[in-house]
Amino acid sequence: MKKEKYKLCLYIAGKTQKAERAMTNLKKICEEELADEYTVEIVDLLEHPHLAEGEQIIAVPTLIKKLPAPLRVLVGDLSDKARVLVGLNIVPAE
């Protein structure tokens, strides 16, 4: 059975230092733990403010794991790798 790909969406508000850190940390975690089994969408809420309400974004950066279920939400720069892996329900590579 083929593993379901991870569909992640990172919400930021402009190219701030915290947003850059979150993008870098997310990329590193995905490359190390998910190989090619993921897609990441970066949404800048300064360019698309209407999306914040639909996803109930109250702080940035916010990462939402849309697939596989269950939906998970993490807020912050994603610098604590262990917390991110647990939060996204990803079992670390052995």
C-alpha atoms as a PDB file:
ATOM      1  CA  MET A   1       0.000   0.000   0.000  1.00  0.00           C
ATOM      2  CA  LYS A   2       1.394   3.387  -0.981  1.00  0.00           C
ATOM      3  CA  LYS A   3       1.942   5.806   1.877  1.00  0.00           C
ATOM      4  CA  GLU A   4      -0.247   8.893   1.717  1.00  0.00           C
ATOM      5  CA  LYS A   5       1.704  12.053   0.924  1.00  0.00           C
ATOM      6  CA  TYR A   6       1.873  14.813   3.483  1.00  0.00           C
ATOM      7  CA  LYS A   7       0.146  18.002   2.402  1.00  0.00           C
ATOM      8  CA  LEU A   8       1.450  20.931   4.440  1.00  0.00           C
ATOM      9  CA  CYS A   9       0.544  24.602   4.307  1.00  0.00           C
ATOM     10  CA  LEU A  10       2.690  27.250   5.989  1.00  0.00           C
ATOM     11  CA  TYR A  11       1.041  30.614   6.625  1.00  0.00           C
ATOM     12  CA  ILE A  12       3.358  33.621   7.021  1.00  0.00           C
ATOM     13  CA  ALA A  13       2.918  37.407   7.042  1.00  0.00           C
ATOM     14  CA  GLY A  14       5.670  38.861   4.902  1.00  0.00           C
ATOM     15  CA  LYS A  15       9.311  37.870   4.564  1.00  0.00           C
ATOM     16  CA  THR A  16      10.160  38.368   8.236  1.00  0.00           C
ATOM     17  CA  GLN A  17      13.080  36.740  10.012  1.00  0.00           C
ATOM     18  CA  LYS A  18      10.670  34.415  11.849  1.00  0.00           C
ATOM     19  CA  ALA A  19       8.947  33.452   8.577  1.00  0.00           C
ATOM     20  CA  GLU A  20      12.302  32.743   6.907  1.00  0.00           C
ATOM     21  CA  ARG A  21      13.335  30.599   9.894  1.00  0.00           C
ATOM     22  CA  ALA A  22      10.061  28.661   9.749  1.00  0.00           C
ATOM     23  CA  MET A  23      10.467  28.007   6.001  1.00  0.00           C
ATOM     24  CA  THR A  24      14.081  26.869   6.447  1.00  0.00           C
ATOM     25  CA  ASN A  25      13.234  24.610   9.403  1.00  0.00           C
ATOM     26  CA  LEU A  26      10.228  23.111   7.603  1.00  0.00           C
ATOM     27  CA  LYS A  27      12.263  22.389   4.468  1.00  0.00           C
ATOM     28  CA  LYS A  28      14.985  20.684   6.503  1.00  0.00           C
ATOM     29  CA  ILE A  29      12.513  18.551   8.490  1.00  0.00           C
ATOM     30  CA  CYS A  30      10.626  17.511   5.341  1.00  0.00           C
ATOM     31  CA  GLU A  31      13.809  16.575   3.476  1.00  0.00           C
ATOM     32  CA  GLU A  32      15.155  14.584   6.441  1.00  0.00           C
ATOM     33  CA  GLU A  33      11.950  12.841   7.566  1.00  0.00           C
ATOM     34  CA  LEU A  34       9.538  12.696   4.615  1.00  0.00           C
ATOM     35  CA  ALA A  35      11.849  12.177   1.597  1.00  0.00           C
ATOM     36  CA  ASP A  36       9.663  12.875  -1.467  1.00  0.00           C
ATOM     37  CA  GLU A  37       6.401  12.142   0.326  1.00  0.00           C
ATOM     38  CA  TYR A  38       5.256  15.726   0.857  1.00  0.00           C
ATOM     39  CA  THR A  39       4.035  18.928  -0.740  1.00  0.00           C
ATOM     40  CA  VAL A  40       4.375  22.333   0.928  1.00  0.00           C
ATOM     41  CA  GLU A  41       2.351  25.416   0.091  1.00  0.00           C
ATOM     42  CA  ILE A  42       3.562  28.764   1.450  1.00  0.00           C
ATOM     43  CA  VAL A  43       0.794  31.345   1.867  1.00  0.00           C
ATOM     44  CA  ASP A  44       1.732  34.956   2.558  1.00  0.00           C
ATOM     45  CA  LEU A  45      -1.226  36.479   4.379  1.00  0.00           C
ATOM     46  CA  LEU A  46      -0.099  39.980   3.414  1.00  0.00           C
ATOM     47  CA  GLU A  47      -0.841  38.998  -0.195  1.00  0.00           C
ATOM     48  CA  HIS A  48      -3.911  36.842   0.573  1.00  0.00           C
ATOM     49  CA  PRO A  49      -5.437  38.165   3.838  1.00  0.00           C
ATOM     50  CA  HIS A  50      -8.834  36.553   3.151  1.00  0.00           C
ATOM     51  CA  LEU A  51      -7.261  33.097   3.647  1.00  0.00           C
ATOM     52  CA  ALA A  52      -6.511  33.796   7.323  1.00  0.00           C
ATOM     53  CA  GLU A  53     -10.182  33.779   8.268  1.00  0.00           C
ATOM     54  CA  GLY A  54     -10.999  30.621   6.316  1.00  0.00           C
ATOM     55  CA  GLU A  55      -8.243  28.667   8.069  1.00  0.00           C
ATOM     56  CA  GLN A  56      -8.758  30.490  11.403  1.00  0.00           C
ATOM     57  CA  ILE A  57      -5.151  31.728  11.491  1.00  0.00           C
ATOM     58  CA  ILE A  58      -4.593  33.888  14.564  1.00  0.00           C
ATOM     59  CA  ALA A  59      -0.771  33.879  14.699  1.00  0.00           C
ATOM     60  CA  VAL A  60       2.053  33.477  12.186  1.00  0.00           C
ATOM     61  CA  PRO A  61       3.918  31.499  11.189  1.00  0.00           C
ATOM     62  CA  THR A  62       1.317  28.716  11.350  1.00  0.00           C
ATOM     63  CA  LEU A  63       1.815  25.286   9.802  1.00  0.00           C
ATOM     64  CA  ILE A  64      -1.232  23.177   8.979  1.00  0.00           C
ATOM     65  CA  LYS A  65      -0.941  19.493   8.106  1.00  0.00           C
ATOM     66  CA  LYS A  66      -3.929  18.902   5.841  1.00  0.00           C
ATOM     67  CA  LEU A  67      -3.097  15.322   4.834  1.00  0.00           C
ATOM     68  CA  PRO A  68      -2.934  12.621   6.007  1.00  0.00           C
ATOM     69  CA  ALA A  69      -5.712  12.982   8.580  1.00  0.00           C
ATOM     70  CA  PRO A  70      -6.042  14.104  11.301  1.00  0.00           C
ATOM     71  CA  LEU A  71      -5.553  17.786  10.569  1.00  0.00           C
ATOM     72  CA  ARG A  72      -2.828  19.279  12.797  1.00  0.00           C
ATOM     73  CA  VAL A  73      -1.861  22.906  13.478  1.00  0.00           C
ATOM     74  CA  LEU A  74       1.514  24.172  14.742  1.00  0.00           C
ATOM     75  CA  VAL A  75       2.402  27.788  15.493  1.00  0.00           C
ATOM     76  CA  GLY A  76       5.933  29.195  15.608  1.00  0.00           C
ATOM     77  CA  ASP A  77       9.226  29.022  13.718  1.00  0.00           C
ATOM     78  CA  LEU A  78       9.353  25.188  13.848  1.00  0.00           C
ATOM     79  CA  SER A  79      12.813  25.232  15.458  1.00  0.00           C
ATOM     80  CA  ASP A  80      12.006  22.418  17.918  1.00  0.00           C
ATOM     81  CA  LYS A  81      12.246  19.429  15.559  1.00  0.00           C
ATOM     82  CA  ALA A  82      11.023  16.872  18.115  1.00  0.00           C
ATOM     83  CA  ARG A  83       7.939  18.985  18.853  1.00  0.00           C
ATOM     84  CA  VAL A  84       7.232  19.412  15.125  1.00  0.00           C
ATOM     85  CA  LEU A  85       7.515  15.657  14.474  1.00  0.00           C
ATOM     86  CA  VAL A  86       5.152  14.871  17.338  1.00  0.00           C
ATOM     87  CA  GLY A  87       2.820  17.719  16.370  1.00  0.00           C
ATOM     88  CA  LEU A  88       2.592  16.513  12.770  1.00  0.00           C
ATOM     89  CA  ASN A  89       2.266  12.905  13.891  1.00  0.00           C
ATOM     90  CA  ILE A  90       5.434  11.940  11.978  1.00  0.00           C
ATOM     91  CA  VAL A  91       7.459   9.051  13.320  1.00  0.00           C
ATOM     92  CA  PRO A  92      11.145  10.029  13.152  1.00  0.00           C
ATOM     93  CA  ALA A  93      13.299   8.042  10.763  1.00  0.00           C
ATOM     94  CA  GLU A  94      15.140   5.223  12.550  1.00  0.00           C
END
